[in-house]
Amino acid sequence: MNSTEFEGKWNQVKGEFKQKYGKMFNDDETFAEGKFDEVAGRIQEKTGKSKEAIREEVEKW
């Protein structure tokens, strides 16, 4: 496992935590951030791209 794959896994865990926190405190913005982190982590793990590169690609859509 290289560092990008590890970072992708970490982003998934962080995203899941943010989603739970957002649900617990009814914070839609934190929940949405968590969802993005989770999806970005999965993409990062598969492609090896950085989270910032993934964010830029999503913003272009």
PDB file of N, CA and C in Angstrom:
ATOM      1  N   MET A   1       0.858  -1.173   0.000  1.00  0.00           N
ATOM      2  CA  MET A   1       0.000   0.000   0.000  1.00  0.00           C
ATOM      3  C   MET A   1       0.903   1.234   0.000  1.00  0.00           C
ATOM      4  N   ASN A   2       0.695   2.101  -0.979  1.00  0.00           N
ATOM      5  CA  ASN A   2       1.493   3.323  -1.019  1.00  0.00           C
ATOM      6  C   ASN A   2       0.799   4.438  -0.225  1.00  0.00           C
ATOM      7  N   SER A   3       1.444   5.585  -0.154  1.00  0.00           N
ATOM      8  CA  SER A   3       0.924   6.670   0.685  1.00  0.00           C
ATOM      9  C   SER A   3      -0.403   7.220   0.168  1.00  0.00           C
ATOM     10  N   THR A   4      -0.603   7.230  -1.142  1.00  0.00           N
ATOM     11  CA  THR A   4      -1.860   7.733  -1.693  1.00  0.00           C
ATOM     12  C   THR A   4      -3.019   6.805  -1.346  1.00  0.00           C
ATOM     13  N   GLU A   5      -2.785   5.507  -1.405  1.00  0.00           N
ATOM     14  CA  GLU A   5      -3.823   4.553  -1.019  1.00  0.00           C
ATOM     15  C   GLU A   5      -4.157   4.692   0.458  1.00  0.00           C
ATOM     16  N   PHE A   6      -3.117   4.871   1.284  1.00  0.00           N
ATOM     17  CA  PHE A   6      -3.335   5.054   2.716  1.00  0.00           C
ATOM     18  C   PHE A   6      -4.138   6.326   2.983  1.00  0.00           C
ATOM     19  N   GLU A   7      -3.776   7.393   2.285  1.00  0.00           N
ATOM     20  CA  GLU A   7      -4.497   8.654   2.441  1.00  0.00           C
ATOM     21  C   GLU A   7      -5.952   8.505   2.009  1.00  0.00           C
ATOM     22  N   GLY A   8      -6.181   7.728   0.962  1.00  0.00           N
ATOM     23  CA  GLY A   8      -7.545   7.467   0.502  1.00  0.00           C
ATOM     24  C   GLY A   8      -8.351   6.743   1.566  1.00  0.00           C
ATOM     25  N   LYS A   9      -7.749   5.738   2.186  1.00  0.00           N
ATOM     26  CA  LYS A   9      -8.437   5.010   3.271  1.00  0.00           C
ATOM     27  C   LYS A   9      -8.739   5.952   4.429  1.00  0.00           C
ATOM     28  N   TRP A  10      -7.768   6.802   4.769  1.00  0.00           N
ATOM     29  CA  TRP A  10      -7.963   7.745   5.873  1.00  0.00           C
ATOM     30  C   TRP A  10      -9.104   8.702   5.552  1.00  0.00           C
ATOM     31  N   ASN A  11      -9.180   9.198   4.322  1.00  0.00           N
ATOM     32  CA  ASN A  11     -10.258  10.100   3.937  1.00  0.00           C
ATOM     33  C   ASN A  11     -11.619   9.413   4.036  1.00  0.00           C
ATOM     34  N   GLN A  12     -11.673   8.127   3.735  1.00  0.00           N
ATOM     35  CA  GLN A  12     -12.922   7.385   3.864  1.00  0.00           C
ATOM     36  C   GLN A  12     -13.364   7.330   5.330  1.00  0.00           C
ATOM     37  N   VAL A  13     -12.427   7.011   6.209  1.00  0.00           N
ATOM     38  CA  VAL A  13     -12.741   6.927   7.640  1.00  0.00           C
ATOM     39  C   VAL A  13     -13.154   8.298   8.163  1.00  0.00           C
ATOM     40  N   LYS A  14     -12.411   9.319   7.782  1.00  0.00           N
ATOM     41  CA  LYS A  14     -12.717  10.683   8.212  1.00  0.00           C
ATOM     42  C   LYS A  14     -14.090  11.107   7.704  1.00  0.00           C
ATOM     43  N   GLY A  15     -14.403  10.741   6.462  1.00  0.00           N
ATOM     44  CA  GLY A  15     -15.697  11.081   5.883  1.00  0.00           C
ATOM     45  C   GLY A  15     -16.846  10.407   6.609  1.00  0.00           C
ATOM     46  N   GLU A  16     -16.665   9.135   6.950  1.00  0.00           N
ATOM     47  CA  GLU A  16     -17.711   8.417   7.685  1.00  0.00           C
ATOM     48  C   GLU A  16     -17.943   9.053   9.052  1.00  0.00           C
ATOM     49  N   PHE A  17     -16.853   9.467   9.708  1.00  0.00           N
ATOM     50  CA  PHE A  17     -16.998  10.129  11.006  1.00  0.00           C
ATOM     51  C   PHE A  17     -17.747  11.452  10.866  1.00  0.00           C
ATOM     52  N   LYS A  18     -17.396  12.247   9.858  1.00  0.00           N
ATOM     53  CA  LYS A  18     -18.071  13.527   9.648  1.00  0.00           C
ATOM     54  C   LYS A  18     -19.562  13.327   9.368  1.00  0.00           C
ATOM     55  N   GLN A  19     -19.894  12.274   8.629  1.00  0.00           N
ATOM     56  CA  GLN A  19     -21.304  11.998   8.348  1.00  0.00           C
ATOM     57  C   GLN A  19     -22.053  11.680   9.635  1.00  0.00           C
ATOM     58  N   LYS A  20     -21.466  10.856  10.492  1.00  0.00           N
ATOM     59  CA  LYS A  20     -22.111  10.512  11.764  1.00  0.00           C
ATOM     60  C   LYS A  20     -22.262  11.742  12.646  1.00  0.00           C
ATOM     61  N   TYR A  21     -21.225  12.578  12.688  1.00  0.00           N
ATOM     62  CA  TYR A  21     -21.271  13.812  13.465  1.00  0.00           C
ATOM     63  C   TYR A  21     -22.355  14.738  12.913  1.00  0.00           C
ATOM     64  N   GLY A  22     -22.422  14.850  11.591  1.00  0.00           N
ATOM     65  CA  GLY A  22     -23.426  15.705  10.961  1.00  0.00           C
ATOM     66  C   GLY A  22     -24.840  15.241  11.255  1.00  0.00           C
ATOM     67  N   LYS A  23     -25.054  13.924  11.239  1.00  0.00           N
ATOM     68  CA  LYS A  23     -26.381  13.394  11.571  1.00  0.00           C
ATOM     69  C   LYS A  23     -26.720  13.656  13.039  1.00  0.00           C
ATOM     70  N   MET A  24     -25.734  13.429  13.908  1.00  0.00           N
ATOM     71  CA  MET A  24     -25.965  13.572  15.341  1.00  0.00           C
ATOM     72  C   MET A  24     -26.368  14.996  15.710  1.00  0.00           C
ATOM     73  N   PHE A  25     -25.726  15.970  15.105  1.00  0.00           N
ATOM     74  CA  PHE A  25     -25.986  17.360  15.444  1.00  0.00           C
ATOM     75  C   PHE A  25     -26.804  18.094  14.384  1.00  0.00           C
ATOM     76  N   ASN A  26     -27.387  17.326  13.461  1.00  0.00           N
ATOM     77  CA  ASN A  26     -28.240  17.889  12.414  1.00  0.00           C
ATOM     78  C   ASN A  26     -27.515  19.004  11.642  1.00  0.00           C
ATOM     79  N   ASP A  27     -26.273  18.727  11.288  1.00  0.00           N
ATOM     80  CA  ASP A  27     -25.429  19.678  10.573  1.00  0.00           C
ATOM     81  C   ASP A  27     -25.246  19.185   9.137  1.00  0.00           C
ATOM     82  N   ASP A  28     -26.047  19.724   8.232  1.00  0.00           N
ATOM     83  CA  ASP A  28     -26.032  19.272   6.842  1.00  0.00           C
ATOM     84  C   ASP A  28     -24.703  19.540   6.144  1.00  0.00           C
ATOM     85  N   GLU A  29     -24.064  20.658   6.477  1.00  0.00           N
ATOM     86  CA  GLU A  29     -22.802  21.001   5.834  1.00  0.00           C
ATOM     87  C   GLU A  29     -21.704  19.995   6.200  1.00  0.00           C
ATOM     88  N   THR A  30     -21.619  19.633   7.459  1.00  0.00           N
ATOM     89  CA  THR A  30     -20.632  18.648   7.898  1.00  0.00           C
ATOM     90  C   THR A  30     -20.933  17.283   7.290  1.00  0.00           C
ATOM     91  N   PHE A  31     -22.207  16.925   7.211  1.00  0.00           N
ATOM     92  CA  PHE A  31     -22.587  15.657   6.599  1.00  0.00           C
ATOM     93  C   PHE A  31     -22.148  15.624   5.138  1.00  0.00           C
ATOM     94  N   ALA A  32     -22.393  16.717   4.407  1.00  0.00           N
ATOM     95  CA  ALA A  32     -22.017  16.778   2.993  1.00  0.00           C
ATOM     96  C   ALA A  32     -20.497  16.710   2.826  1.00  0.00           C
ATOM     97  N   GLU A  33     -19.754  17.394   3.697  1.00  0.00           N
ATOM     98  CA  GLU A  33     -18.291  17.316   3.662  1.00  0.00           C
ATOM     99  C   GLU A  33     -17.835  15.877   3.861  1.00  0.00           C
ATOM    100  N   GLY A  34     -18.473  15.203   4.798  1.00  0.00           N
ATOM    101  CA  GLY A  34     -18.127  13.818   5.073  1.00  0.00           C
ATOM    102  C   GLY A  34     -18.392  12.921   3.878  1.00  0.00           C
ATOM    103  N   LYS A  35     -19.503  13.148   3.213  1.00  0.00           N
ATOM    104  CA  LYS A  35     -19.836  12.346   2.032  1.00  0.00           C
ATOM    105  C   LYS A  35     -18.785  12.566   0.943  1.00  0.00           C
ATOM    106  N   PHE A  36     -18.395  13.826   0.735  1.00  0.00           N
ATOM    107  CA  PHE A  36     -17.369  14.116  -0.265  1.00  0.00           C
ATOM    108  C   PHE A  36     -16.050  13.456   0.116  1.00  0.00           C
ATOM    109  N   ASP A  37     -15.652  13.569   1.394  1.00  0.00           N
ATOM    110  CA  ASP A  37     -14.400  12.958   1.835  1.00  0.00           C
ATOM    111  C   ASP A  37     -14.404  11.456   1.605  1.00  0.00           C
ATOM    112  N   GLU A  38     -15.532  10.817   1.885  1.00  0.00           N
ATOM    113  CA  GLU A  38     -15.625   9.375   1.700  1.00  0.00           C
ATOM    114  C   GLU A  38     -15.478   9.006   0.220  1.00  0.00           C
ATOM    115  N   VAL A  39     -16.207   9.693  -0.633  1.00  0.00           N
ATOM    116  CA  VAL A  39     -16.146   9.397  -2.073  1.00  0.00           C
ATOM    117  C   VAL A  39     -14.764   9.747  -2.627  1.00  0.00           C
ATOM    118  N   ALA A  40     -14.223  10.874  -2.224  1.00  0.00           N
ATOM    119  CA  ALA A  40     -12.889  11.265  -2.689  1.00  0.00           C
ATOM    120  C   ALA A  40     -11.852  10.250  -2.238  1.00  0.00           C
ATOM    121  N   GLY A  41     -12.005   9.725  -1.043  1.00  0.00           N
ATOM    122  CA  GLY A  41     -11.085   8.713  -0.552  1.00  0.00           C
ATOM    123  C   GLY A  41     -11.139   7.448  -1.385  1.00  0.00           C
ATOM    124  N   ARG A  42     -12.341   7.050  -1.783  1.00  0.00           N
ATOM    125  CA  ARG A  42     -12.470   5.857  -2.628  1.00  0.00           C
ATOM    126  C   ARG A  42     -11.833   6.087  -3.996  1.00  0.00           C
ATOM    127  N   ILE A  43     -12.080   7.259  -4.576  1.00  0.00           N
ATOM    128  CA  ILE A  43     -11.489   7.583  -5.878  1.00  0.00           C
ATOM    129  C   ILE A  43      -9.971   7.658  -5.751  1.00  0.00           C
ATOM    130  N   GLN A  44      -9.507   8.282  -4.686  1.00  0.00           N
ATOM    131  CA  GLN A  44      -8.076   8.436  -4.444  1.00  0.00           C
ATOM    132  C   GLN A  44      -7.401   7.068  -4.310  1.00  0.00           C
ATOM    133  N   GLU A  45      -8.050   6.176  -3.619  1.00  0.00           N
ATOM    134  CA  GLU A  45      -7.505   4.838  -3.431  1.00  0.00           C
ATOM    135  C   GLU A  45      -7.383   4.094  -4.767  1.00  0.00           C
ATOM    136  N   LYS A  46      -8.364   4.269  -5.633  1.00  0.00           N
ATOM    137  CA  LYS A  46      -8.387   3.560  -6.916  1.00  0.00           C
ATOM    138  C   LYS A  46      -7.465   4.193  -7.966  1.00  0.00           C
ATOM    139  N   THR A  47      -7.418   5.544  -7.994  1.00  0.00           N
ATOM    140  CA  THR A  47      -6.687   6.225  -9.064  1.00  0.00           C
ATOM    141  C   THR A  47      -5.311   6.728  -8.658  1.00  0.00           C
ATOM    142  N   GLY A  48      -5.099   6.939  -7.372  1.00  0.00           N
ATOM    143  CA  GLY A  48      -3.822   7.474  -6.918  1.00  0.00           C
ATOM    144  C   GLY A  48      -3.725   8.982  -7.012  1.00  0.00           C
ATOM    145  N   LYS A  49      -4.826   9.649  -7.345  1.00  0.00           N
ATOM    146  CA  LYS A  49      -4.818  11.111  -7.440  1.00  0.00           C
ATOM    147  C   LYS A  49      -4.961  11.719  -6.051  1.00  0.00           C
ATOM    148  N   SER A  50      -4.484  12.946  -5.898  1.00  0.00           N
ATOM    149  CA  SER A  50      -4.613  13.631  -4.612  1.00  0.00           C
ATOM    150  C   SER A  50      -6.049  14.123  -4.418  1.00  0.00           C
ATOM    151  N   LYS A  51      -6.394  14.378  -3.177  1.00  0.00           N
ATOM    152  CA  LYS A  51      -7.739  14.863  -2.866  1.00  0.00           C
ATOM    153  C   LYS A  51      -7.993  16.208  -3.546  1.00  0.00           C
ATOM    154  N   GLU A  52      -6.969  17.040  -3.612  1.00  0.00           N
ATOM    155  CA  GLU A  52      -7.107  18.348  -4.246  1.00  0.00           C
ATOM    156  C   GLU A  52      -7.375  18.205  -5.748  1.00  0.00           C
ATOM    157  N   ALA A  53      -6.692  17.266  -6.380  1.00  0.00           N
ATOM    158  CA  ALA A  53      -6.909  17.033  -7.818  1.00  0.00           C
ATOM    159  C   ALA A  53      -8.331  16.535  -8.073  1.00  0.00           C
ATOM    160  N   ILE A  54      -8.802  15.677  -7.197  1.00  0.00           N
ATOM    161  CA  ILE A  54     -10.168  15.169  -7.333  1.00  0.00           C
ATOM    162  C   ILE A  54     -11.170  16.299  -7.147  1.00  0.00           C
ATOM    163  N   ARG A  55     -10.930  17.154  -6.143  1.00  0.00           N
ATOM    164  CA  ARG A  55     -11.814  18.299  -5.895  1.00  0.00           C
ATOM    165  C   ARG A  55     -11.866  19.214  -7.120  1.00  0.00           C
ATOM    166  N   GLU A  56     -10.715  19.473  -7.740  1.00  0.00           N
ATOM    167  CA  GLU A  56     -10.676  20.320  -8.935  1.00  0.00           C
ATOM    168  C   GLU A  56     -11.479  19.713 -10.078  1.00  0.00           C
ATOM    169  N   GLU A  57     -11.354  18.401 -10.270  1.00  0.00           N
ATOM    170  CA  GLU A  57     -12.109  17.737 -11.321  1.00  0.00           C
ATOM    171  C   GLU A  57     -13.608  17.827 -11.076  1.00  0.00           C
ATOM    172  N   VAL A  58     -14.016  17.656  -9.833  1.00  0.00           N
ATOM    173  CA  VAL A  58     -15.435  17.734  -9.492  1.00  0.00           C
ATOM    174  C   VAL A  58     -15.963  19.146  -9.714  1.00  0.00           C
ATOM    175  N   GLU A  59     -15.177  20.140  -9.356  1.00  0.00           N
ATOM    176  CA  GLU A  59     -15.604  21.535  -9.533  1.00  0.00           C
ATOM    177  C   GLU A  59     -15.740  21.908 -11.001  1.00  0.00           C
ATOM    178  N   LYS A  60     -14.965  21.258 -11.877  1.00  0.00           N
ATOM    179  CA  LYS A  60     -15.056  21.533 -13.316  1.00  0.00           C
ATOM    180  C   LYS A  60     -16.365  21.022 -13.908  1.00  0.00           C
ATOM    181  N   TRP A  61     -16.941  19.969 -13.308  1.00  0.00           N
ATOM    182  CA  TRP A  61     -18.177  19.398 -13.827  1.00  0.00           C
ATOM    183  C   TRP A  61     -19.243  20.420 -13.707  1.00  0.00           C
TER     184      TRP A  61
END
